[in-house]
Amino acid sequence: MMRPSKAVATSVILAASVLLPSAAQAYVGPGAGLSLLSALWGIIAAIGIALFFVLMWPIRRMMRRRKERLSSSSSEPTSPTQSQAQQVQHEESQARRSSDSHSPPSS
């Protein structure tokens, strides 16, 4: 049977060899570094583009609403018959949309 001092010394040596780092004796070529850099640039670009589109969305929405408001205010009807004709066209387009959505698909 082992004496306690010998067992302690063996466990300390075993723990030190497992826990303390040693030289890896390995070569990491330039290809690994280049692939790591390209993956990093890809992730950074994806995050940047996502942030750009998230930040631009409310701005684009505001620009569209302003354009619609300007186009609707500049095309005000000059006579009541034009406004009635526009209203009829609008109702017809809505009726067409609702009938298209409820019609069965043709095969």
PDB file of N, CA and C in Angstrom:
ATOM      1  N   MET A   1       0.819  -1.162   0.000  1.00  0.00           N
ATOM      2  CA  MET A   1       0.000   0.000   0.000  1.00  0.00           C
ATOM      3  C   MET A   1       0.880   1.250   0.000  1.00  0.00           C
ATOM      4  N   MET A   2       0.395   2.334  -0.662  1.00  0.00           N
ATOM      5  CA  MET A   2       1.162   3.567  -0.754  1.00  0.00           C
ATOM      6  C   MET A   2       1.058   4.357   0.539  1.00  0.00           C
ATOM      7  N   ARG A   3       2.140   5.008   0.841  1.00  0.00           N
ATOM      8  CA  ARG A   3       2.098   5.874   2.004  1.00  0.00           C
ATOM      9  C   ARG A   3       1.399   7.165   1.622  1.00  0.00           C
ATOM     10  N   PRO A   4       0.811   7.865   2.576  1.00  0.00           N
ATOM     11  CA  PRO A   4       0.057   9.081   2.270  1.00  0.00           C
ATOM     12  C   PRO A   4       0.912  10.150   1.611  1.00  0.00           C
ATOM     13  N   SER A   5       2.139  10.303   1.960  1.00  0.00           N
ATOM     14  CA  SER A   5       2.965  11.342   1.350  1.00  0.00           C
ATOM     15  C   SER A   5       3.246  11.030  -0.118  1.00  0.00           C
ATOM     16  N   LYS A   6       3.408   9.784  -0.444  1.00  0.00           N
ATOM     17  CA  LYS A   6       3.638   9.388  -1.835  1.00  0.00           C
ATOM     18  C   LYS A   6       2.367   9.579  -2.664  1.00  0.00           C
ATOM     19  N   ALA A   7       1.218   9.293  -2.099  1.00  0.00           N
ATOM     20  CA  ALA A   7      -0.060   9.468  -2.788  1.00  0.00           C
ATOM     21  C   ALA A   7      -0.340  10.947  -3.039  1.00  0.00           C
ATOM     22  N   VAL A   8      -0.029  11.778  -2.068  1.00  0.00           N
ATOM     23  CA  VAL A   8      -0.235  13.219  -2.220  1.00  0.00           C
ATOM     24  C   VAL A   8       0.694  13.765  -3.298  1.00  0.00           C
ATOM     25  N   ALA A   9       1.933  13.330  -3.287  1.00  0.00           N
ATOM     26  CA  ALA A   9       2.907  13.794  -4.275  1.00  0.00           C
ATOM     27  C   ALA A   9       2.476  13.360  -5.678  1.00  0.00           C
ATOM     28  N   THR A  10       1.967  12.179  -5.833  1.00  0.00           N
ATOM     29  CA  THR A  10       1.508  11.685  -7.133  1.00  0.00           C
ATOM     30  C   THR A  10       0.298  12.481  -7.605  1.00  0.00           C
ATOM     31  N   SER A  11      -0.645  12.761  -6.711  1.00  0.00           N
ATOM     32  CA  SER A  11      -1.825  13.532  -7.125  1.00  0.00           C
ATOM     33  C   SER A  11      -1.455  14.959  -7.486  1.00  0.00           C
ATOM     34  N   VAL A  12      -0.510  15.555  -6.778  1.00  0.00           N
ATOM     35  CA  VAL A  12      -0.094  16.917  -7.108  1.00  0.00           C
ATOM     36  C   VAL A  12       0.568  16.944  -8.478  1.00  0.00           C
ATOM     37  N   ILE A  13       1.428  15.988  -8.755  1.00  0.00           N
ATOM     38  CA  ILE A  13       2.100  15.926 -10.062  1.00  0.00           C
ATOM     39  C   ILE A  13       1.074  15.688 -11.172  1.00  0.00           C
ATOM     40  N   LEU A  14       0.134  14.806 -10.933  1.00  0.00           N
ATOM     41  CA  LEU A  14      -0.899  14.524 -11.926  1.00  0.00           C
ATOM     42  C   LEU A  14      -1.773  15.762 -12.185  1.00  0.00           C
ATOM     43  N   ALA A  15      -2.182  16.455 -11.136  1.00  0.00           N
ATOM     44  CA  ALA A  15      -3.006  17.664 -11.281  1.00  0.00           C
ATOM     45  C   ALA A  15      -2.234  18.764 -11.989  1.00  0.00           C
ATOM     46  N   ALA A  16      -0.972  18.922 -11.680  1.00  0.00           N
ATOM     47  CA  ALA A  16      -0.146  19.950 -12.322  1.00  0.00           C
ATOM     48  C   ALA A  16       0.036  19.662 -13.804  1.00  0.00           C
ATOM     49  N   SER A  17       0.211  18.417 -14.147  1.00  0.00           N
ATOM     50  CA  SER A  17       0.404  18.089 -15.568  1.00  0.00           C
ATOM     51  C   SER A  17      -0.877  18.290 -16.374  1.00  0.00           C
ATOM     52  N   VAL A  18      -2.027  18.153 -15.739  1.00  0.00           N
ATOM     53  CA  VAL A  18      -3.297  18.349 -16.432  1.00  0.00           C
ATOM     54  C   VAL A  18      -3.673  19.825 -16.487  1.00  0.00           C
ATOM     55  N   LEU A  19      -3.448  20.548 -15.396  1.00  0.00           N
ATOM     56  CA  LEU A  19      -3.911  21.924 -15.296  1.00  0.00           C
ATOM     57  C   LEU A  19      -2.943  22.956 -15.865  1.00  0.00           C
ATOM     58  N   LEU A  20      -1.673  22.735 -15.779  1.00  0.00           N
ATOM     59  CA  LEU A  20      -0.706  23.712 -16.277  1.00  0.00           C
ATOM     60  C   LEU A  20      -0.525  23.553 -17.784  1.00  0.00           C
ATOM     61  N   PRO A  21      -0.541  24.651 -18.512  1.00  0.00           N
ATOM     62  CA  PRO A  21      -0.392  24.555 -19.958  1.00  0.00           C
ATOM     63  C   PRO A  21       1.045  24.235 -20.349  1.00  0.00           C
ATOM     64  N   SER A  22       1.147  23.593 -21.471  1.00  0.00           N
ATOM     65  CA  SER A  22       2.474  23.303 -22.023  1.00  0.00           C
ATOM     66  C   SER A  22       2.464  23.680 -23.495  1.00  0.00           C
ATOM     67  N   ALA A  23       3.594  23.631 -24.121  1.00  0.00           N
ATOM     68  CA  ALA A  23       3.686  23.987 -25.531  1.00  0.00           C
ATOM     69  C   ALA A  23       2.869  23.012 -26.368  1.00  0.00           C
ATOM     70  N   ALA A  24       2.140  23.560 -27.346  1.00  0.00           N
ATOM     71  CA  ALA A  24       1.247  22.726 -28.135  1.00  0.00           C
ATOM     72  C   ALA A  24       1.980  21.985 -29.237  1.00  0.00           C
ATOM     73  N   GLN A  25       3.102  22.479 -29.675  1.00  0.00           N
ATOM     74  CA  GLN A  25       3.863  21.858 -30.758  1.00  0.00           C
ATOM     75  C   GLN A  25       3.000  21.697 -32.006  1.00  0.00           C
ATOM     76  N   ALA A  26       2.300  22.778 -32.343  1.00  0.00           N
ATOM     77  CA  ALA A  26       1.421  22.740 -33.511  1.00  0.00           C
ATOM     78  C   ALA A  26       1.675  23.980 -34.351  1.00  0.00           C
ATOM     79  N   TYR A  27       1.336  23.894 -35.631  1.00  0.00           N
ATOM     80  CA  TYR A  27       1.523  25.007 -36.558  1.00  0.00           C
ATOM     81  C   TYR A  27       0.149  25.439 -37.074  1.00  0.00           C
ATOM     82  N   VAL A  28      -0.137  26.723 -36.943  1.00  0.00           N
ATOM     83  CA  VAL A  28      -1.364  27.273 -37.487  1.00  0.00           C
ATOM     84  C   VAL A  28      -0.960  28.093 -38.702  1.00  0.00           C
ATOM     85  N   GLY A  29      -1.372  27.637 -39.879  1.00  0.00           N
ATOM     86  CA  GLY A  29      -0.972  28.298 -41.110  1.00  0.00           C
ATOM     87  C   GLY A  29      -1.770  29.564 -41.382  1.00  0.00           C
ATOM     88  N   PRO A  30      -1.391  30.291 -42.437  1.00  0.00           N
ATOM     89  CA  PRO A  30      -2.084  31.539 -42.762  1.00  0.00           C
ATOM     90  C   PRO A  30      -3.518  31.316 -43.235  1.00  0.00           C
ATOM     91  N   GLY A  31      -3.845  30.161 -43.724  1.00  0.00           N
ATOM     92  CA  GLY A  31      -5.207  29.886 -44.182  1.00  0.00           C
ATOM     93  C   GLY A  31      -6.223  29.947 -43.055  1.00  0.00           C
ATOM     94  N   ALA A  32      -5.825  29.476 -41.887  1.00  0.00           N
ATOM     95  CA  ALA A  32      -6.738  29.514 -40.737  1.00  0.00           C
ATOM     96  C   ALA A  32      -6.994  30.953 -40.315  1.00  0.00           C
ATOM     97  N   GLY A  33      -5.962  31.757 -40.322  1.00  0.00           N
ATOM     98  CA  GLY A  33      -6.124  33.163 -39.960  1.00  0.00           C
ATOM     99  C   GLY A  33      -6.979  33.915 -40.965  1.00  0.00           C
ATOM    100  N   LEU A  34      -6.772  33.633 -42.239  1.00  0.00           N
ATOM    101  CA  LEU A  34      -7.570  34.300 -43.273  1.00  0.00           C
ATOM    102  C   LEU A  34      -9.035  33.886 -43.199  1.00  0.00           C
ATOM    103  N   SER A  35      -9.291  32.629 -42.939  1.00  0.00           N
ATOM    104  CA  SER A  35     -10.686  32.199 -42.837  1.00  0.00           C
ATOM    105  C   SER A  35     -11.338  32.794 -41.590  1.00  0.00           C
ATOM    106  N   LEU A  36     -10.588  32.929 -40.504  1.00  0.00           N
ATOM    107  CA  LEU A  36     -11.117  33.562 -39.309  1.00  0.00           C
ATOM    108  C   LEU A  36     -11.441  35.031 -39.580  1.00  0.00           C
ATOM    109  N   LEU A  37     -10.559  35.740 -40.274  1.00  0.00           N
ATOM    110  CA  LEU A  37     -10.800  37.143 -40.595  1.00  0.00           C
ATOM    111  C   LEU A  37     -11.999  37.312 -41.532  1.00  0.00           C
ATOM    112  N   SER A  38     -12.113  36.450 -42.529  1.00  0.00           N
ATOM    113  CA  SER A  38     -13.244  36.586 -43.455  1.00  0.00           C
ATOM    114  C   SER A  38     -14.568  36.298 -42.749  1.00  0.00           C
ATOM    115  N   ALA A  39     -14.579  35.337 -41.842  1.00  0.00           N
ATOM    116  CA  ALA A  39     -15.802  35.073 -41.078  1.00  0.00           C
ATOM    117  C   ALA A  39     -16.137  36.256 -40.180  1.00  0.00           C
ATOM    118  N   LEU A  40     -15.120  36.847 -39.571  1.00  0.00           N
ATOM    119  CA  LEU A  40     -15.339  38.009 -38.712  1.00  0.00           C
ATOM    120  C   LEU A  40     -15.883  39.180 -39.516  1.00  0.00           C
ATOM    121  N   TRP A  41     -15.311  39.443 -40.692  1.00  0.00           N
ATOM    122  CA  TRP A  41     -15.802  40.536 -41.543  1.00  0.00           C
ATOM    123  C   TRP A  41     -17.221  40.259 -42.026  1.00  0.00           C
ATOM    124  N   GLY A  42     -17.533  39.016 -42.297  1.00  0.00           N
ATOM    125  CA  GLY A  42     -18.896  38.666 -42.701  1.00  0.00           C
ATOM    126  C   GLY A  42     -19.907  38.926 -41.600  1.00  0.00           C
ATOM    127  N   ILE A  43     -19.557  38.572 -40.382  1.00  0.00           N
ATOM    128  CA  ILE A  43     -20.458  38.808 -39.250  1.00  0.00           C
ATOM    129  C   ILE A  43     -20.626  40.298 -39.011  1.00  0.00           C
ATOM    130  N   ILE A  44     -19.526  41.049 -39.066  1.00  0.00           N
ATOM    131  CA  ILE A  44     -19.597  42.497 -38.865  1.00  0.00           C
ATOM    132  C   ILE A  44     -20.442  43.150 -39.954  1.00  0.00           C
ATOM    133  N   ALA A  45     -20.268  42.728 -41.202  1.00  0.00           N
ATOM    134  CA  ALA A  45     -21.057  43.290 -42.306  1.00  0.00           C
ATOM    135  C   ALA A  45     -22.541  42.963 -42.145  1.00  0.00           C
ATOM    136  N   ALA A  46     -22.860  41.745 -41.750  1.00  0.00           N
ATOM    137  CA  ALA A  46     -24.262  41.363 -41.563  1.00  0.00           C
ATOM    138  C   ALA A  46     -24.916  42.183 -40.456  1.00  0.00           C
ATOM    139  N   ILE A  47     -24.207  42.385 -39.364  1.00  0.00           N
ATOM    140  CA  ILE A  47     -24.755  43.192 -38.264  1.00  0.00           C
ATOM    141  C   ILE A  47     -24.921  44.635 -38.715  1.00  0.00           C
ATOM    142  N   GLY A  48     -23.940  45.158 -39.450  1.00  0.00           N
ATOM    143  CA  GLY A  48     -24.023  46.539 -39.937  1.00  0.00           C
ATOM    144  C   GLY A  48     -25.185  46.750 -40.891  1.00  0.00           C
ATOM    145  N   ILE A  49     -25.377  45.836 -41.809  1.00  0.00           N
ATOM    146  CA  ILE A  49     -26.486  45.953 -42.767  1.00  0.00           C
ATOM    147  C   ILE A  49     -27.829  45.831 -42.046  1.00  0.00           C
ATOM    148  N   ALA A  50     -27.917  44.921 -41.090  1.00  0.00           N
ATOM    149  CA  ALA A  50     -29.166  44.776 -40.330  1.00  0.00           C
ATOM    150  C   ALA A  50     -29.483  46.058 -39.568  1.00  0.00           C
ATOM    151  N   LEU A  51     -28.490  46.643 -38.925  1.00  0.00           N
ATOM    152  CA  LEU A  51     -28.710  47.904 -38.207  1.00  0.00           C
ATOM    153  C   LEU A  51     -29.111  49.022 -39.159  1.00  0.00           C
ATOM    154  N   PHE A  52     -28.470  49.070 -40.321  1.00  0.00           N
ATOM    155  CA  PHE A  52     -28.793  50.100 -41.314  1.00  0.00           C
ATOM    156  C   PHE A  52     -30.259  50.010 -41.724  1.00  0.00           C
ATOM    157  N   PHE A  53     -30.736  48.807 -42.043  1.00  0.00           N
ATOM    158  CA  PHE A  53     -32.120  48.659 -42.485  1.00  0.00           C
ATOM    159  C   PHE A  53     -33.108  48.906 -41.353  1.00  0.00           C
ATOM    160  N   VAL A  54     -32.757  48.519 -40.135  1.00  0.00           N
ATOM    161  CA  VAL A  54     -33.651  48.780 -39.004  1.00  0.00           C
ATOM    162  C   VAL A  54     -33.757  50.281 -38.762  1.00  0.00           C
ATOM    163  N   LEU A  55     -32.646  51.001 -38.886  1.00  0.00           N
ATOM    164  CA  LEU A  55     -32.675  52.445 -38.672  1.00  0.00           C
ATOM    165  C   LEU A  55     -33.312  53.194 -39.842  1.00  0.00           C
ATOM    166  N   MET A  56     -33.202  52.669 -41.051  1.00  0.00           N
ATOM    167  CA  MET A  56     -33.762  53.341 -42.221  1.00  0.00           C
ATOM    168  C   MET A  56     -35.258  53.094 -42.385  1.00  0.00           C
ATOM    169  N   TRP A  57     -35.795  52.060 -41.764  1.00  0.00           N
ATOM    170  CA  TRP A  57     -37.204  51.717 -41.949  1.00  0.00           C
ATOM    171  C   TRP A  57     -38.134  52.862 -41.556  1.00  0.00           C
ATOM    172  N   PRO A  58     -38.005  53.474 -40.369  1.00  0.00           N
ATOM    173  CA  PRO A  58     -38.923  54.568 -40.045  1.00  0.00           C
ATOM    174  C   PRO A  58     -38.717  55.793 -40.940  1.00  0.00           C
ATOM    175  N   ILE A  59     -37.500  56.014 -41.369  1.00  0.00           N
ATOM    176  CA  ILE A  59     -37.233  57.153 -42.257  1.00  0.00           C
ATOM    177  C   ILE A  59     -37.900  56.935 -43.607  1.00  0.00           C
ATOM    178  N   ARG A  60     -37.779  55.735 -44.161  1.00  0.00           N
ATOM    179  CA  ARG A  60     -38.430  55.435 -45.446  1.00  0.00           C
ATOM    180  C   ARG A  60     -39.943  55.538 -45.319  1.00  0.00           C
ATOM    181  N   ARG A  61     -40.484  55.053 -44.189  1.00  0.00           N
ATOM    182  CA  ARG A  61     -41.929  55.119 -43.972  1.00  0.00           C
ATOM    183  C   ARG A  61     -42.395  56.571 -43.914  1.00  0.00           C
ATOM    184  N   MET A  62     -41.627  57.420 -43.227  1.00  0.00           N
ATOM    185  CA  MET A  62     -41.967  58.829 -43.136  1.00  0.00           C
ATOM    186  C   MET A  62     -41.922  59.479 -44.518  1.00  0.00           C
ATOM    187  N   MET A  63     -40.934  59.130 -45.325  1.00  0.00           N
ATOM    188  CA  MET A  63     -40.819  59.703 -46.671  1.00  0.00           C
ATOM    189  C   MET A  63     -41.982  59.265 -47.553  1.00  0.00           C
ATOM    190  N   ARG A  64     -42.398  57.995 -47.448  1.00  0.00           N
ATOM    191  CA  ARG A  64     -43.535  57.518 -48.234  1.00  0.00           C
ATOM    192  C   ARG A  64     -44.817  58.239 -47.846  1.00  0.00           C
ATOM    193  N   ARG A  65     -45.032  58.403 -46.545  1.00  0.00           N
ATOM    194  CA  ARG A  65     -46.244  59.098 -46.101  1.00  0.00           C
ATOM    195  C   ARG A  65     -46.237  60.547 -46.564  1.00  0.00           C
ATOM    196  N   ARG A  66     -45.085  61.198 -46.507  1.00  0.00           N
ATOM    197  CA  ARG A  66     -45.001  62.578 -46.970  1.00  0.00           C
ATOM    198  C   ARG A  66     -45.273  62.657 -48.473  1.00  0.00           C
ATOM    199  N   LYS A  67     -44.749  61.697 -49.225  1.00  0.00           N
ATOM    200  CA  LYS A  67     -44.986  61.691 -50.675  1.00  0.00           C
ATOM    201  C   LYS A  67     -46.463  61.474 -50.979  1.00  0.00           C
ATOM    202  N   GLU A  68     -47.099  60.539 -50.238  1.00  0.00           N
ATOM    203  CA  GLU A  68     -48.533  60.299 -50.441  1.00  0.00           C
ATOM    204  C   GLU A  68     -49.348  61.526 -50.079  1.00  0.00           C
ATOM    205  N   ARG A  69     -48.971  62.198 -48.999  1.00  0.00           N
ATOM    206  CA  ARG A  69     -49.688  63.392 -48.579  1.00  0.00           C
ATOM    207  C   ARG A  69     -49.542  64.502 -49.619  1.00  0.00           C
ATOM    208  N   LEU A  70     -48.328  64.660 -50.158  1.00  0.00           N
ATOM    209  CA  LEU A  70     -48.117  65.686 -51.174  1.00  0.00           C
ATOM    210  C   LEU A  70     -48.857  65.361 -52.463  1.00  0.00           C
ATOM    211  N   SER A  71     -48.857  64.091 -52.855  1.00  0.00           N
ATOM    212  CA  SER A  71     -49.549  63.727 -54.093  1.00  0.00           C
ATOM    213  C   SER A  71     -51.065  63.845 -53.930  1.00  0.00           C
ATOM    214  N   SER A  72     -51.587  63.534 -52.755  1.00  0.00           N
ATOM    215  CA  SER A  72     -53.032  63.652 -52.559  1.00  0.00           C
ATOM    216  C   SER A  72     -53.455  65.115 -52.455  1.00  0.00           C
ATOM    217  N   SER A  73     -52.607  65.957 -51.873  1.00  0.00           N
ATOM    218  CA  SER A  73     -52.981  67.376 -51.769  1.00  0.00           C
ATOM    219  C   SER A  73     -52.814  68.101 -53.103  1.00  0.00           C
ATOM    220  N   SER A  74     -51.880  67.668 -53.944  1.00  0.00           N
ATOM    221  CA  SER A  74     -51.680  68.333 -55.231  1.00  0.00           C
ATOM    222  C   SER A  74     -52.694  67.891 -56.272  1.00  0.00           C
ATOM    223  N   SER A  75     -53.310  66.742 -56.084  1.00  0.00           N
ATOM    224  CA  SER A  75     -54.279  66.248 -57.071  1.00  0.00           C
ATOM    225  C   SER A  75     -55.709  66.404 -56.556  1.00  0.00           C
ATOM    226  N   GLU A  76     -55.992  67.508 -55.890  1.00  0.00           N
ATOM    227  CA  GLU A  76     -57.356  67.742 -55.434  1.00  0.00           C
ATOM    228  C   GLU A  76     -58.254  67.991 -56.636  1.00  0.00           C
ATOM    229  N   PRO A  77     -59.453  67.444 -56.633  1.00  0.00           N
ATOM    230  CA  PRO A  77     -60.351  67.607 -57.774  1.00  0.00           C
ATOM    231  C   PRO A  77     -60.816  69.058 -57.911  1.00  0.00           C
ATOM    232  N   THR A  78     -60.989  69.466 -59.165  1.00  0.00           N
ATOM    233  CA  THR A  78     -61.432  70.839 -59.423  1.00  0.00           C
ATOM    234  C   THR A  78     -62.941  70.936 -59.521  1.00  0.00           C
ATOM    235  N   SER A  79     -63.592  69.830 -59.798  1.00  0.00           N
ATOM    236  CA  SER A  79     -65.046  69.845 -59.885  1.00  0.00           C
ATOM    237  C   SER A  79     -65.613  68.647 -59.132  1.00  0.00           C
ATOM    238  N   PRO A  80     -66.900  68.712 -58.744  1.00  0.00           N
ATOM    239  CA  PRO A  80     -67.496  67.590 -58.013  1.00  0.00           C
ATOM    240  C   PRO A  80     -67.555  66.313 -58.836  1.00  0.00           C
ATOM    241  N   THR A  81     -67.633  66.403 -60.140  1.00  0.00           N
ATOM    242  CA  THR A  81     -67.716  65.186 -60.953  1.00  0.00           C
ATOM    243  C   THR A  81     -66.404  64.409 -60.894  1.00  0.00           C
ATOM    244  N   GLN A  82     -65.277  65.102 -60.782  1.00  0.00           N
ATOM    245  CA  GLN A  82     -63.995  64.400 -60.672  1.00  0.00           C
ATOM    246  C   GLN A  82     -63.914  63.647 -59.348  1.00  0.00           C
ATOM    247  N   SER A  83     -64.364  64.266 -58.272  1.00  0.00           N
ATOM    248  CA  SER A  83     -64.308  63.579 -56.979  1.00  0.00           C
ATOM    249  C   SER A  83     -65.242  62.375 -56.975  1.00  0.00           C
ATOM    250  N   GLN A  84     -66.398  62.497 -57.629  1.00  0.00           N
ATOM    251  CA  GLN A  84     -67.319  61.361 -57.699  1.00  0.00           C
ATOM    252  C   GLN A  84     -66.709  60.242 -58.533  1.00  0.00           C
ATOM    253  N   ALA A  85     -66.048  60.598 -59.630  1.00  0.00           N
ATOM    254  CA  ALA A  85     -65.424  59.587 -60.480  1.00  0.00           C
ATOM    255  C   ALA A  85     -64.303  58.876 -59.723  1.00  0.00           C
ATOM    256  N   GLN A  86     -63.522  59.633 -58.948  1.00  0.00           N
ATOM    257  CA  GLN A  86     -62.467  59.017 -58.160  1.00  0.00           C
ATOM    258  C   GLN A  86     -63.042  58.099 -57.099  1.00  0.00           C
ATOM    259  N   GLN A  87     -64.135  58.488 -56.497  1.00  0.00           N
ATOM    260  CA  GLN A  87     -64.756  57.664 -55.468  1.00  0.00           C
ATOM    261  C   GLN A  87     -65.288  56.367 -56.077  1.00  0.00           C
ATOM    262  N   VAL A  88     -65.889  56.457 -57.253  1.00  0.00           N
ATOM    263  CA  VAL A  88     -66.407  55.260 -57.929  1.00  0.00           C
ATOM    264  C   VAL A  88     -65.264  54.328 -58.285  1.00  0.00           C
ATOM    265  N   GLN A  89     -64.164  54.886 -58.797  1.00  0.00           N
ATOM    266  CA  GLN A  89     -63.010  54.054 -59.134  1.00  0.00           C
ATOM    267  C   GLN A  89     -62.455  53.371 -57.890  1.00  0.00           C
ATOM    268  N   HIS A  90     -62.405  54.101 -56.798  1.00  0.00           N
ATOM    269  CA  HIS A  90     -61.902  53.530 -55.559  1.00  0.00           C
ATOM    270  C   HIS A  90     -62.802  52.387 -55.079  1.00  0.00           C
ATOM    271  N   GLU A  91     -64.102  52.577 -55.142  1.00  0.00           N
ATOM    272  CA  GLU A  91     -65.032  51.530 -54.716  1.00  0.00           C
ATOM    273  C   GLU A  91     -64.941  50.309 -55.620  1.00  0.00           C
ATOM    274  N   GLU A  92     -64.774  50.540 -56.935  1.00  0.00           N
ATOM    275  CA  GLU A  92     -64.639  49.415 -57.867  1.00  0.00           C
ATOM    276  C   GLU A  92     -63.371  48.623 -57.588  1.00  0.00           C
ATOM    277  N   SER A  93     -62.278  49.315 -57.314  1.00  0.00           N
ATOM    278  CA  SER A  93     -61.027  48.599 -57.042  1.00  0.00           C
ATOM    279  C   SER A  93     -61.128  47.802 -55.745  1.00  0.00           C
ATOM    280  N   GLN A  94     -61.812  48.343 -54.747  1.00  0.00           N
ATOM    281  CA  GLN A  94     -62.009  47.596 -53.504  1.00  0.00           C
ATOM    282  C   GLN A  94     -62.897  46.375 -53.735  1.00  0.00           C
ATOM    283  N   ALA A  95     -63.932  46.535 -54.556  1.00  0.00           N
ATOM    284  CA  ALA A  95     -64.814  45.408 -54.849  1.00  0.00           C
ATOM    285  C   ALA A  95     -64.053  44.318 -55.594  1.00  0.00           C
ATOM    286  N   ARG A  96     -63.188  44.728 -56.529  1.00  0.00           N
ATOM    287  CA  ARG A  96     -62.380  43.758 -57.267  1.00  0.00           C
ATOM    288  C   ARG A  96     -61.446  43.000 -56.341  1.00  0.00           C
ATOM    289  N   ARG A  97     -60.816  43.721 -55.410  1.00  0.00           N
ATOM    290  CA  ARG A  97     -59.902  43.076 -54.472  1.00  0.00           C
ATOM    291  C   ARG A  97     -60.638  42.072 -53.596  1.00  0.00           C
ATOM    292  N   SER A  98     -61.813  42.440 -53.112  1.00  0.00           N
ATOM    293  CA  SER A  98     -62.540  41.522 -52.221  1.00  0.00           C
ATOM    294  C   SER A  98     -63.056  40.319 -53.010  1.00  0.00           C
ATOM    295  N   SER A  99     -63.458  40.510 -54.269  1.00  0.00           N
ATOM    296  CA  SER A  99     -63.934  39.370 -55.038  1.00  0.00           C
ATOM    297  C   SER A  99     -62.781  38.467 -55.428  1.00  0.00           C
ATOM    298  N   ASP A 100     -61.595  39.027 -55.662  1.00  0.00           N
ATOM    299  CA  ASP A 100     -60.417  38.200 -55.980  1.00  0.00           C
ATOM    300  C   ASP A 100     -59.986  37.365 -54.786  1.00  0.00           C
ATOM    301  N   SER A 101     -60.105  37.928 -53.603  1.00  0.00           N
ATOM    302  CA  SER A 101     -59.669  37.184 -52.428  1.00  0.00           C
ATOM    303  C   SER A 101     -60.654  36.083 -52.040  1.00  0.00           C
ATOM    304  N   HIS A 102     -61.921  36.200 -52.445  1.00  0.00           N
ATOM    305  CA  HIS A 102     -62.931  35.201 -52.085  1.00  0.00           C
ATOM    306  C   HIS A 102     -63.203  34.202 -53.213  1.00  0.00           C
ATOM    307  N   SER A 103     -62.663  34.418 -54.376  1.00  0.00           N
ATOM    308  CA  SER A 103     -62.923  33.491 -55.479  1.00  0.00           C
ATOM    309  C   SER A 103     -62.059  32.242 -55.334  1.00  0.00           C
ATOM    310  N   PRO A 104     -62.607  31.068 -55.717  1.00  0.00           N
ATOM    311  CA  PRO A 104     -61.822  29.839 -55.620  1.00  0.00           C
ATOM    312  C   PRO A 104     -60.736  29.825 -56.687  1.00  0.00           C
ATOM    313  N   PRO A 105     -59.622  29.203 -56.384  1.00  0.00           N
ATOM    314  CA  PRO A 105     -58.527  29.168 -57.364  1.00  0.00           C
ATOM    315  C   PRO A 105     -58.900  28.340 -58.593  1.00  0.00           C
ATOM    316  N   SER A 106     -58.544  28.820 -59.733  1.00  0.00           N
ATOM    317  CA  SER A 106     -58.859  28.081 -60.979  1.00  0.00           C
ATOM    318  C   SER A 106     -57.710  27.122 -61.264  1.00  0.00           C
ATOM    319  N   SER A 107     -58.092  25.913 -61.772  1.00  0.00           N
ATOM    320  CA  SER A 107     -57.046  24.938 -62.075  1.00  0.00           C
ATOM    321  C   SER A 107     -57.051  24.582 -63.520  1.00  0.00           C
TER     322      SER A 107
END
